[in-house]
Amino acid sequence: MFTKIVLSTALLAAFVAPLAANAGEVQNRINNQNGRINAGVRNGSLTYGEYHRLDRSEDRIQAQRSRDLRNNGGHLTPGEYHSLNHRENNLSDRIYFDKHNQARQH
């Protein structure tokens, strides 16, 4: 009986831990993207308009992550993780493009 409980608990932890880790990984990406956006403003490679658009996009991703975590007891489903990761990939591409276009702060 005790062995079954221990085994069940271990299997549950093995399943839940990666989902919690995914939530942290998404937050790490959000933090990294915010740093890239802020660095672009500091060095003049992003205009204020680009900054505000990128920042709003990042805020929407953060809000979706928070809603997903709240709706699932602090965990992300694989689909939610995939969706957030896809949105972060698109934003990363947009940050790169905006930082390397010819628009500059005045």
C-alpha atoms as a PDB file:
ATOM      1  CA  MET A   1       0.000   0.000   0.000  1.00  0.00           C
ATOM      2  CA  PHE A   2       2.714   2.465   1.031  1.00  0.00           C
ATOM      3  CA  THR A   3       4.733   1.583  -2.088  1.00  0.00           C
ATOM      4  CA  LYS A   4       1.709   2.360  -4.288  1.00  0.00           C
ATOM      5  CA  ILE A   5       1.290   5.773  -2.676  1.00  0.00           C
ATOM      6  CA  VAL A   6       4.976   6.606  -3.080  1.00  0.00           C
ATOM      7  CA  LEU A   7       4.955   5.404  -6.686  1.00  0.00           C
ATOM      8  CA  SER A   8       1.777   7.370  -7.465  1.00  0.00           C
ATOM      9  CA  THR A   9       3.208  10.506  -5.907  1.00  0.00           C
ATOM     10  CA  ALA A  10       6.463  10.125  -7.856  1.00  0.00           C
ATOM     11  CA  LEU A  11       4.608   9.672 -11.143  1.00  0.00           C
ATOM     12  CA  LEU A  12       2.427  12.689 -10.460  1.00  0.00           C
ATOM     13  CA  ALA A  13       5.467  14.812  -9.600  1.00  0.00           C
ATOM     14  CA  ALA A  14       7.253  13.648 -12.752  1.00  0.00           C
ATOM     15  CA  PHE A  15       4.265  14.743 -14.827  1.00  0.00           C
ATOM     16  CA  VAL A  16       3.570  18.070 -13.100  1.00  0.00           C
ATOM     17  CA  ALA A  17       7.177  19.303 -12.684  1.00  0.00           C
ATOM     18  CA  PRO A  18       7.800  19.853 -16.421  1.00  0.00           C
ATOM     19  CA  LEU A  19       4.587  21.873 -16.720  1.00  0.00           C
ATOM     20  CA  ALA A  20       5.663  24.121 -13.854  1.00  0.00           C
ATOM     21  CA  ALA A  21       9.101  24.424 -15.434  1.00  0.00           C
ATOM     22  CA  ASN A  22       7.467  25.482 -18.711  1.00  0.00           C
ATOM     23  CA  ALA A  23       5.683  28.298 -16.895  1.00  0.00           C
ATOM     24  CA  GLY A  24       9.052  29.501 -15.594  1.00  0.00           C
ATOM     25  CA  GLU A  25      10.657  29.168 -19.008  1.00  0.00           C
ATOM     26  CA  VAL A  26       7.973  31.382 -20.540  1.00  0.00           C
ATOM     27  CA  GLN A  27       8.547  33.968 -17.789  1.00  0.00           C
ATOM     28  CA  ASN A  28      12.303  33.856 -18.462  1.00  0.00           C
ATOM     29  CA  ARG A  29      11.656  34.553 -22.135  1.00  0.00           C
ATOM     30  CA  ILE A  30       9.349  37.442 -21.232  1.00  0.00           C
ATOM     31  CA  ASN A  31      12.064  38.919 -19.015  1.00  0.00           C
ATOM     32  CA  ASN A  32      14.672  38.452 -21.752  1.00  0.00           C
ATOM     33  CA  GLN A  33      12.460  40.099 -24.394  1.00  0.00           C
ATOM     34  CA  ASN A  34      11.784  43.048 -22.083  1.00  0.00           C
ATOM     35  CA  GLY A  35      15.531  43.464 -21.640  1.00  0.00           C
ATOM     36  CA  ARG A  36      16.065  43.449 -25.405  1.00  0.00           C
ATOM     37  CA  ILE A  37      13.317  46.036 -25.892  1.00  0.00           C
ATOM     38  CA  ASN A  38      14.692  48.309 -23.165  1.00  0.00           C
ATOM     39  CA  ALA A  39      18.235  48.007 -24.545  1.00  0.00           C
ATOM     40  CA  GLY A  40      16.933  49.059 -27.958  1.00  0.00           C
ATOM     41  CA  VAL A  41      15.426  52.198 -26.489  1.00  0.00           C
ATOM     42  CA  ARG A  42      18.613  53.004 -24.552  1.00  0.00           C
ATOM     43  CA  ASN A  43      20.883  52.644 -27.579  1.00  0.00           C
ATOM     44  CA  GLY A  44      18.490  54.413 -29.954  1.00  0.00           C
ATOM     45  CA  SER A  45      17.837  51.440 -32.258  1.00  0.00           C
ATOM     46  CA  LEU A  46      14.122  51.461 -31.338  1.00  0.00           C
ATOM     47  CA  THR A  47      11.903  54.477 -31.756  1.00  0.00           C
ATOM     48  CA  TYR A  48       9.448  55.285 -29.001  1.00  0.00           C
ATOM     49  CA  GLY A  49       6.593  54.122 -31.235  1.00  0.00           C
ATOM     50  CA  GLU A  50       8.312  50.779 -31.838  1.00  0.00           C
ATOM     51  CA  TYR A  51       8.999  50.513 -28.114  1.00  0.00           C
ATOM     52  CA  HIS A  52       5.362  51.066 -27.170  1.00  0.00           C
ATOM     53  CA  ARG A  53       4.086  48.575 -29.759  1.00  0.00           C
ATOM     54  CA  LEU A  54       6.575  45.892 -28.679  1.00  0.00           C
ATOM     55  CA  ASP A  55       5.933  46.567 -24.995  1.00  0.00           C
ATOM     56  CA  ARG A  56       2.164  46.223 -25.476  1.00  0.00           C
ATOM     57  CA  SER A  57       2.697  42.923 -27.284  1.00  0.00           C
ATOM     58  CA  GLU A  58       4.852  41.663 -24.427  1.00  0.00           C
ATOM     59  CA  ASP A  59       2.239  42.813 -21.902  1.00  0.00           C
ATOM     60  CA  ARG A  60      -0.442  40.835 -23.764  1.00  0.00           C
ATOM     61  CA  ILE A  61       1.703  37.694 -23.701  1.00  0.00           C
ATOM     62  CA  GLN A  62       2.329  38.183 -19.972  1.00  0.00           C
ATOM     63  CA  ALA A  63      -1.395  38.664 -19.348  1.00  0.00           C
ATOM     64  CA  GLN A  64      -2.214  35.474 -21.280  1.00  0.00           C
ATOM     65  CA  ARG A  65       0.401  33.536 -19.291  1.00  0.00           C
ATOM     66  CA  SER A  66      -1.125  34.807 -16.052  1.00  0.00           C
ATOM     67  CA  ARG A  67      -4.652  33.837 -17.157  1.00  0.00           C
ATOM     68  CA  ASP A  68      -3.480  30.378 -18.230  1.00  0.00           C
ATOM     69  CA  LEU A  69      -1.701  29.784 -14.927  1.00  0.00           C
ATOM     70  CA  ARG A  70      -4.688  31.011 -12.928  1.00  0.00           C
ATOM     71  CA  ASN A  71      -7.083  28.766 -14.877  1.00  0.00           C
ATOM     72  CA  ASN A  72      -4.931  25.651 -14.468  1.00  0.00           C
ATOM     73  CA  GLY A  73      -3.830  25.754 -10.865  1.00  0.00           C
ATOM     74  CA  GLY A  74      -0.466  27.362 -11.552  1.00  0.00           C
ATOM     75  CA  HIS A  75       0.506  25.176 -14.517  1.00  0.00           C
ATOM     76  CA  LEU A  76       0.514  25.511 -18.285  1.00  0.00           C
ATOM     77  CA  THR A  77      -0.981  22.847 -20.509  1.00  0.00           C
ATOM     78  CA  PRO A  78       1.233  21.725 -23.405  1.00  0.00           C
ATOM     79  CA  GLY A  79      -1.045  23.645 -25.802  1.00  0.00           C
ATOM     80  CA  GLU A  80      -0.814  26.833 -23.762  1.00  0.00           C
ATOM     81  CA  TYR A  81       2.950  26.492 -23.535  1.00  0.00           C
ATOM     82  CA  HIS A  82       3.185  25.991 -27.299  1.00  0.00           C
ATOM     83  CA  SER A  83       0.954  28.993 -27.976  1.00  0.00           C
ATOM     84  CA  LEU A  84       2.900  31.295 -25.648  1.00  0.00           C
ATOM     85  CA  ASN A  85       6.207  30.079 -27.050  1.00  0.00           C
ATOM     86  CA  HIS A  86       4.984  30.707 -30.600  1.00  0.00           C
ATOM     87  CA  ARG A  87       3.924  34.250 -29.673  1.00  0.00           C
ATOM     88  CA  GLU A  88       7.312  34.860 -28.030  1.00  0.00           C
ATOM     89  CA  ASN A  89       9.079  33.622 -31.184  1.00  0.00           C
ATOM     90  CA  ASN A  90       7.070  36.047 -33.319  1.00  0.00           C
ATOM     91  CA  LEU A  91       7.798  38.914 -30.939  1.00  0.00           C
ATOM     92  CA  SER A  92      11.490  38.042 -30.914  1.00  0.00           C
ATOM     93  CA  ASP A  93      11.558  38.302 -34.705  1.00  0.00           C
ATOM     94  CA  ARG A  94       9.743  41.643 -34.532  1.00  0.00           C
ATOM     95  CA  ILE A  95      12.202  43.002 -31.952  1.00  0.00           C
ATOM     96  CA  TYR A  96      15.116  42.008 -34.185  1.00  0.00           C
ATOM     97  CA  PHE A  97      13.515  43.601 -37.245  1.00  0.00           C
ATOM     98  CA  ASP A  98      12.651  46.833 -35.452  1.00  0.00           C
ATOM     99  CA  LYS A  99      16.119  47.122 -33.898  1.00  0.00           C
ATOM    100  CA  HIS A 100      17.807  46.649 -37.278  1.00  0.00           C
ATOM    101  CA  ASN A 101      15.606  48.764 -39.525  1.00  0.00           C
ATOM    102  CA  GLN A 102      16.615  52.313 -40.408  1.00  0.00           C
ATOM    103  CA  ALA A 103      14.227  54.017 -37.971  1.00  0.00           C
ATOM    104  CA  ARG A 104      16.067  55.867 -35.218  1.00  0.00           C
ATOM    105  CA  GLN A 105      15.124  58.037 -32.282  1.00  0.00           C
ATOM    106  CA  HIS A 106      15.397  61.771 -32.842  1.00  0.00           C
END
